[in-house]
Amino acid sequence: ACELYLVEGDSAGGTAKQGRNRRFQAILPLRGKILNVEKAMEHKIYDNEEIKNMFTAMGVSIGTVGDDKALNVEKLRYHKIIIMTDADVDGSHITTLILTFFFRYMKELIETGKIYIAAPPLYLVKKGKEQIYCWDDEDRKAAVQQLGGGKDDSVNIQRYKGLGEMDPIQLWETTMNPETRTIIKVEMEDAAKADEIFTILMGDKVAPRKEFIEKNAKYVKNLDI
């Protein structure tokens, strides 16, 4: 199964290109935030460089059926499209914008289970030759307990502020290797739920949009581990 990673930033994209398995994984670096699809006119959306690059990489196109635009997925090149951004506010915002675009213009890819969110670790806890990757604060506390008897100062704790802080091997082991990674499948249960998401994503209030990623567990059914 072929996979396309949508990766935030050139530096992270470079690390991902080095760390990936070239046989089935492709990388598309996104240079800066993509267009906010709610605020832009439709013709500007399709003229946006990042969005055009996404269409080209995926092999999909927009056609017209009657008066409506329709997504042509016959030449879709990938079984999984995985959004991979930094685990910070900016990364969450970029993920939100990409998801907004998929919900609005490529809903079929969500309905057919093609869209995923990568879950890179937040911490690496080390003591001597032992090390444990941690995905949240609870993991970190457990790792400190296991390696350092619960004392932070007896272990080395690295906080990953961005994907670029991991070397290619670490990124592969934690976030890209199908045997060891955790990725979250994005699903829509029904149109009503999708409308609810749109309300959160598309409104003028910024805070609910930024909170979306933390809340999206409501809309997530499967973990592909």
Protein backbone atom coordinates (compact mmCIF):
# COMPACT_ATOMS: atom_id res chain seq x y z
CA ALA A 1 0.00 0.00 0.00
CA CYS A 2 1.50 3.33 -1.09
CA GLU A 3 1.51 6.29 1.30
CA LEU A 4 1.82 10.06 0.80
CA TYR A 5 2.99 12.16 3.74
CA LEU A 6 1.96 15.82 3.73
CA VAL A 7 4.78 17.28 5.83
CA GLU A 8 5.06 20.72 7.36
CA GLY A 9 8.15 22.68 6.33
CA ASP A 10 11.22 22.05 4.18
CA SER A 11 13.51 20.91 7.00
CA ALA A 12 11.03 18.32 8.30
CA GLY A 13 10.31 17.27 4.72
CA GLY A 14 14.03 16.66 4.17
CA THR A 15 14.27 14.52 7.30
CA ALA A 16 11.17 12.57 6.25
CA LYS A 17 12.63 11.96 2.76
CA GLN A 18 15.77 10.50 4.34
CA GLY A 19 13.84 8.43 6.88
CA ARG A 20 11.07 7.00 4.68
CA ASN A 21 10.93 3.65 2.95
CA ARG A 22 11.24 4.68 -0.71
CA ARG A 23 9.47 1.54 -1.93
CA PHE A 24 6.05 2.72 -0.73
CA GLN A 25 6.31 6.17 0.92
CA ALA A 26 6.34 9.58 -0.80
CA ILE A 27 6.82 12.99 0.81
CA LEU A 28 5.18 16.31 -0.14
CA PRO A 29 6.62 19.19 1.92
CA LEU A 30 4.14 22.02 2.54
CA ARG A 31 5.90 25.37 2.59
CA GLY A 32 3.94 27.46 5.06
CA LYS A 33 0.24 27.45 5.87
CA ILE A 34 -2.06 26.44 3.03
CA LEU A 35 -4.86 28.78 2.01
CA ASN A 36 -7.74 29.11 4.46
CA VAL A 37 -10.42 27.56 2.28
CA GLU A 38 -13.32 29.16 4.12
CA LYS A 39 -12.13 32.73 3.59
CA ALA A 40 -10.96 32.44 -0.03
CA MET A 41 -12.95 32.60 -3.24
CA GLU A 42 -13.21 29.21 -4.97
CA HIS A 43 -11.07 30.13 -7.98
CA LYS A 44 -8.28 31.24 -5.61
CA ILE A 45 -8.39 27.88 -3.88
CA TYR A 46 -7.61 25.98 -7.07
CA ASP A 47 -4.90 28.52 -8.00
CA ASN A 48 -3.12 28.10 -4.64
CA GLU A 49 0.34 26.60 -5.23
CA GLU A 50 0.27 24.23 -2.23
CA ILE A 51 -3.20 22.93 -3.14
CA LYS A 52 -2.21 22.45 -6.79
CA ASN A 53 0.83 20.48 -5.59
CA MET A 54 -1.43 18.28 -3.43
CA PHE A 55 -3.73 17.52 -6.37
CA THR A 56 -0.75 16.70 -8.62
CA ALA A 57 0.97 14.49 -6.04
CA MET A 58 -2.20 12.55 -5.26
CA GLY A 59 -3.16 12.15 -8.92
CA VAL A 60 -6.71 13.44 -8.40
CA SER A 61 -8.54 16.15 -10.30
CA ILE A 62 -11.71 18.22 -10.14
CA GLY A 63 -14.26 17.70 -12.88
CA THR A 64 -17.75 19.08 -13.47
CA VAL A 65 -20.95 17.05 -13.21
CA GLY A 66 -23.85 19.25 -14.27
CA ASP A 67 -23.49 22.42 -12.19
CA ASP A 68 -21.46 20.71 -9.48
CA LYS A 69 -17.74 20.09 -9.19
CA ALA A 70 -16.81 16.45 -8.63
CA LEU A 71 -13.61 14.84 -7.43
CA ASN A 72 -12.07 12.37 -9.87
CA VAL A 73 -10.17 9.75 -7.86
CA GLU A 74 -9.65 7.17 -10.64
CA LYS A 75 -5.93 7.96 -10.78
CA LEU A 76 -5.40 8.31 -7.01
CA ARG A 77 -1.87 7.06 -6.41
CA TYR A 78 -2.00 6.41 -2.67
CA HIS A 79 -3.88 4.19 -0.23
CA LYS A 80 -3.03 6.44 2.72
CA ILE A 81 -2.57 10.22 2.82
CA ILE A 82 -0.94 11.08 6.15
CA ILE A 83 -0.82 14.62 7.52
CA MET A 84 2.39 15.05 9.54
CA THR A 85 2.99 18.36 11.33
CA ASP A 86 4.82 19.60 14.40
CA ALA A 87 3.17 18.84 17.74
CA ASP A 88 2.58 22.53 18.56
CA VAL A 89 -0.08 25.20 17.98
CA ASP A 90 1.18 26.08 14.50
CA GLY A 91 1.27 22.41 13.53
CA SER A 92 -2.26 21.91 14.83
CA HIS A 93 -3.42 24.94 12.86
CA ILE A 94 -1.85 23.63 9.64
CA THR A 95 -3.42 20.20 10.23
CA THR A 96 -6.77 21.91 10.79
CA LEU A 97 -6.47 23.86 7.53
CA ILE A 98 -5.57 20.71 5.58
CA LEU A 99 -8.47 18.79 7.13
CA THR A 100 -10.80 21.71 6.38
CA PHE A 101 -9.75 21.49 2.75
CA PHE A 102 -10.35 17.74 2.62
CA PHE A 103 -13.76 18.07 4.30
CA ARG A 104 -14.79 20.79 1.90
CA TYR A 105 -13.35 19.61 -1.42
CA MET A 106 -12.18 16.00 -1.07
CA LYS A 107 -14.76 14.49 1.25
CA GLU A 108 -14.69 11.21 -0.67
CA LEU A 109 -11.12 10.57 0.50
CA ILE A 110 -12.28 10.73 4.11
CA GLU A 111 -15.35 8.62 3.44
CA THR A 112 -13.19 5.90 1.88
CA GLY A 113 -10.71 5.93 4.78
CA LYS A 114 -7.72 7.44 2.97
CA ILE A 115 -6.89 10.36 5.32
CA TYR A 116 -4.77 9.93 8.45
CA ILE A 117 -3.01 12.11 11.01
CA ALA A 118 0.50 11.13 12.13
CA ALA A 119 1.23 11.12 15.85
CA PRO A 120 4.92 11.97 16.45
CA PRO A 121 6.22 11.60 20.02
CA LEU A 122 6.50 14.62 22.30
CA TYR A 123 9.39 13.37 24.46
CA LEU A 124 12.37 11.06 24.53
CA VAL A 125 13.38 9.91 28.02
CA LYS A 126 16.90 8.44 28.27
CA LYS A 127 19.12 6.99 30.94
CA GLY A 128 22.37 5.39 29.87
CA LYS A 129 21.64 3.16 26.91
CA GLU A 130 17.93 2.85 27.74
CA GLN A 131 15.42 5.15 26.09
CA ILE A 132 11.63 5.45 25.88
CA TYR A 133 9.61 7.58 23.44
CA CYS A 134 6.60 9.31 24.99
CA TRP A 135 3.46 10.62 23.28
CA ASP A 136 2.02 12.61 26.19
CA ASP A 137 2.75 13.72 29.76
CA GLU A 138 1.39 10.49 31.22
CA ASP A 139 3.82 8.49 29.07
CA ARG A 140 6.63 10.78 30.18
CA LYS A 141 5.83 10.28 33.89
CA ALA A 142 5.72 6.52 33.41
CA ALA A 143 9.06 6.56 31.59
CA VAL A 144 10.69 8.68 34.30
CA GLN A 145 9.32 6.26 36.89
CA GLN A 146 10.64 3.26 34.98
CA LEU A 147 14.11 4.62 34.18
CA GLY A 148 14.70 7.11 36.98
CA GLY A 149 12.57 6.07 39.91
CA GLY A 150 10.25 9.01 39.32
CA LYS A 151 12.98 11.67 39.55
CA ASP A 152 13.25 13.98 36.53
CA ASP A 153 16.82 14.97 37.37
CA SER A 154 18.02 11.36 37.21
CA VAL A 155 17.14 11.02 33.51
CA ASN A 156 17.60 13.04 30.34
CA ILE A 157 14.29 14.32 28.92
CA GLN A 158 14.23 15.68 25.38
CA ARG A 159 11.12 17.63 24.34
CA TYR A 160 10.55 17.48 20.59
CA LYS A 161 9.38 20.94 19.55
CA GLY A 162 9.23 19.94 15.91
CA LEU A 163 9.67 17.10 13.46
CA GLY A 164 13.01 18.57 12.37
CA GLU A 165 14.47 17.86 15.83
CA MET A 166 14.36 14.13 15.16
CA ASP A 167 16.96 12.51 12.94
CA PRO A 168 15.72 10.36 10.02
CA ILE A 169 16.10 7.10 11.95
CA GLN A 170 14.10 8.44 14.93
CA LEU A 171 11.37 9.79 12.65
CA TRP A 172 11.13 6.42 10.88
CA GLU A 173 11.03 4.44 14.13
CA THR A 174 8.41 6.60 15.85
CA THR A 175 6.20 8.06 13.13
CA MET A 176 6.69 6.40 9.74
CA ASN A 177 7.39 2.68 10.28
CA PRO A 178 4.05 0.82 9.88
CA GLU A 179 5.27 -1.75 12.41
CA THR A 180 5.79 0.74 15.25
CA ARG A 181 3.99 4.03 14.49
CA THR A 182 0.59 5.26 15.61
CA ILE A 183 -1.52 7.02 12.97
CA ILE A 184 -5.09 8.20 13.42
CA LYS A 185 -7.64 7.49 10.71
CA VAL A 186 -9.99 10.44 10.11
CA GLU A 187 -13.57 9.30 9.56
CA MET A 188 -16.94 10.98 9.11
CA GLU A 189 -19.77 9.08 10.74
CA ASP A 190 -22.51 10.95 8.91
CA ALA A 191 -23.35 14.25 7.25
CA ALA A 192 -24.66 15.76 10.48
CA LYS A 193 -21.33 15.14 12.19
CA ALA A 194 -19.53 16.65 9.22
CA ASP A 195 -21.71 19.75 9.48
CA GLU A 196 -20.81 19.99 13.16
CA ILE A 197 -17.10 19.84 12.26
CA PHE A 198 -17.60 22.51 9.62
CA THR A 199 -19.18 24.78 12.22
CA ILE A 200 -16.10 24.38 14.39
CA LEU A 201 -13.63 24.75 11.55
CA MET A 202 -15.23 27.43 9.43
CA GLY A 203 -16.44 29.99 11.93
CA ASP A 204 -14.87 33.39 12.52
CA LYS A 205 -13.73 32.40 16.01
CA VAL A 206 -10.10 31.29 15.93
CA ALA A 207 -9.98 29.41 19.25
CA PRO A 208 -12.45 26.62 18.32
CA ARG A 209 -10.48 25.96 15.12
CA LYS A 210 -7.23 25.60 17.03
CA GLU A 211 -8.91 23.32 19.55
CA PHE A 212 -10.21 21.02 16.82
CA ILE A 213 -7.25 18.66 16.79
CA GLU A 214 -7.55 18.05 20.52
CA LYS A 215 -11.26 17.38 20.13
CA ASN A 216 -11.10 15.29 16.97
CA ALA A 217 -11.11 12.04 18.96
CA LYS A 218 -14.92 12.40 18.72
CA TYR A 219 -14.61 11.86 14.99
CA VAL A 220 -11.91 9.22 15.04
CA LYS A 221 -12.87 5.56 14.94
CA ASN A 222 -9.74 3.57 14.18
CA LEU A 223 -6.16 3.54 15.31
CA ASP A 224 -3.76 2.04 12.78
CA ILE A 225 -0.83 0.99 14.96
